Amino acid sequence: MEVHKCISCGENLIGMNYVKFPCPNCNESIYRCKRCRKLANLYKCPSCGFVGP
């Protein structure tokens, strides 16, 4: 089982408590925990530097 980390807070993502979506700029997979998504914490794509809410 592959473990991913939230791109905003670094928390290990387990089960269904996260969302995966493509970066709007380069299609790199972005993983975020539900808490950071709900709080609209910023994230930065590690591939292209795109910053989103």
C-alpha atoms as a PDB file:
ATOM      1  CA  MET A   1       0.000   0.000   0.000  1.00  0.00           C
ATOM      2  CA  GLU A   2       1.418   3.339  -1.084  1.00  0.00           C
ATOM      3  CA  VAL A   3       1.305   6.142   1.495  1.00  0.00           C
ATOM      4  CA  HIS A   4       0.914   9.715   0.324  1.00  0.00           C
ATOM      5  CA  LYS A   5       1.396  12.970   2.242  1.00  0.00           C
ATOM      6  CA  CYS A   6      -0.774  16.080   2.200  1.00  0.00           C
ATOM      7  CA  ILE A   7       0.977  18.691   0.087  1.00  0.00           C
ATOM      8  CA  SER A   8      -0.172  21.465   2.470  1.00  0.00           C
ATOM      9  CA  CYS A   9       0.541  20.079   5.957  1.00  0.00           C
ATOM     10  CA  GLY A  10       2.641  16.945   5.329  1.00  0.00           C
ATOM     11  CA  GLU A  11       0.252  14.605   7.192  1.00  0.00           C
ATOM     12  CA  ASN A  12       0.228  10.937   6.102  1.00  0.00           C
ATOM     13  CA  LEU A  13      -2.934  10.237   4.121  1.00  0.00           C
ATOM     14  CA  ILE A  14      -4.708   7.010   5.026  1.00  0.00           C
ATOM     15  CA  GLY A  15      -8.070   5.600   3.959  1.00  0.00           C
ATOM     16  CA  MET A  16     -10.585   7.998   2.458  1.00  0.00           C
ATOM     17  CA  ASN A  17      -9.599  11.152   4.387  1.00  0.00           C
ATOM     18  CA  TYR A  18      -7.984  12.860   1.421  1.00  0.00           C
ATOM     19  CA  VAL A  19      -8.520  14.001  -2.133  1.00  0.00           C
ATOM     20  CA  LYS A  20      -6.320  13.474  -5.200  1.00  0.00           C
ATOM     21  CA  PHE A  21      -6.555  15.826  -8.173  1.00  0.00           C
ATOM     22  CA  PRO A  22      -4.341  16.947 -11.078  1.00  0.00           C
ATOM     23  CA  CYS A  23      -2.444  20.226 -10.882  1.00  0.00           C
ATOM     24  CA  PRO A  24      -4.365  22.745 -13.025  1.00  0.00           C
ATOM     25  CA  ASN A  25      -1.102  23.820 -14.664  1.00  0.00           C
ATOM     26  CA  CYS A  26       0.893  20.610 -15.331  1.00  0.00           C
ATOM     27  CA  ASN A  27      -1.357  17.616 -14.428  1.00  0.00           C
ATOM     28  CA  GLU A  28       0.961  16.396 -11.615  1.00  0.00           C
ATOM     29  CA  SER A  29      -1.043  14.478  -8.974  1.00  0.00           C
ATOM     30  CA  ILE A  30      -1.806  16.601  -5.898  1.00  0.00           C
ATOM     31  CA  TYR A  31      -2.862  14.991  -2.597  1.00  0.00           C
ATOM     32  CA  ARG A  32      -4.551  17.005   0.161  1.00  0.00           C
ATOM     33  CA  CYS A  33      -6.162  16.036   3.457  1.00  0.00           C
ATOM     34  CA  LYS A  34      -9.793  16.980   4.005  1.00  0.00           C
ATOM     35  CA  ARG A  35      -8.850  19.384   6.812  1.00  0.00           C
ATOM     36  CA  CYS A  36      -6.494  21.471   4.616  1.00  0.00           C
ATOM     37  CA  ARG A  37      -9.003  21.439   1.787  1.00  0.00           C
ATOM     38  CA  LYS A  38     -11.826  22.578   4.102  1.00  0.00           C
ATOM     39  CA  LEU A  39      -9.635  25.375   5.542  1.00  0.00           C
ATOM     40  CA  ALA A  40      -8.504  26.352   1.998  1.00  0.00           C
ATOM     41  CA  ASN A  41      -4.827  26.114   3.012  1.00  0.00           C
ATOM     42  CA  LEU A  42      -2.450  26.992   0.205  1.00  0.00           C
ATOM     43  CA  TYR A  43      -0.527  24.337  -1.675  1.00  0.00           C
ATOM     44  CA  LYS A  44       2.355  24.541  -4.127  1.00  0.00           C
ATOM     45  CA  CYS A  45       2.870  22.022  -6.937  1.00  0.00           C
ATOM     46  CA  PRO A  46       6.331  20.487  -6.578  1.00  0.00           C
ATOM     47  CA  SER A  47       6.693  20.149 -10.371  1.00  0.00           C
ATOM     48  CA  CYS A  48       5.719  23.540 -11.750  1.00  0.00           C
ATOM     49  CA  GLY A  49       5.343  25.823  -8.702  1.00  0.00           C
ATOM     50  CA  PHE A  50       1.631  26.519  -9.240  1.00  0.00           C
ATOM     51  CA  VAL A  51       0.072  27.847  -6.000  1.00  0.00           C
ATOM     52  CA  GLY A  52      -3.574  27.198  -5.258  1.00  0.00           C
ATOM     53  CA  PRO A  53      -6.069  27.441  -2.432  1.00  0.00           C
END
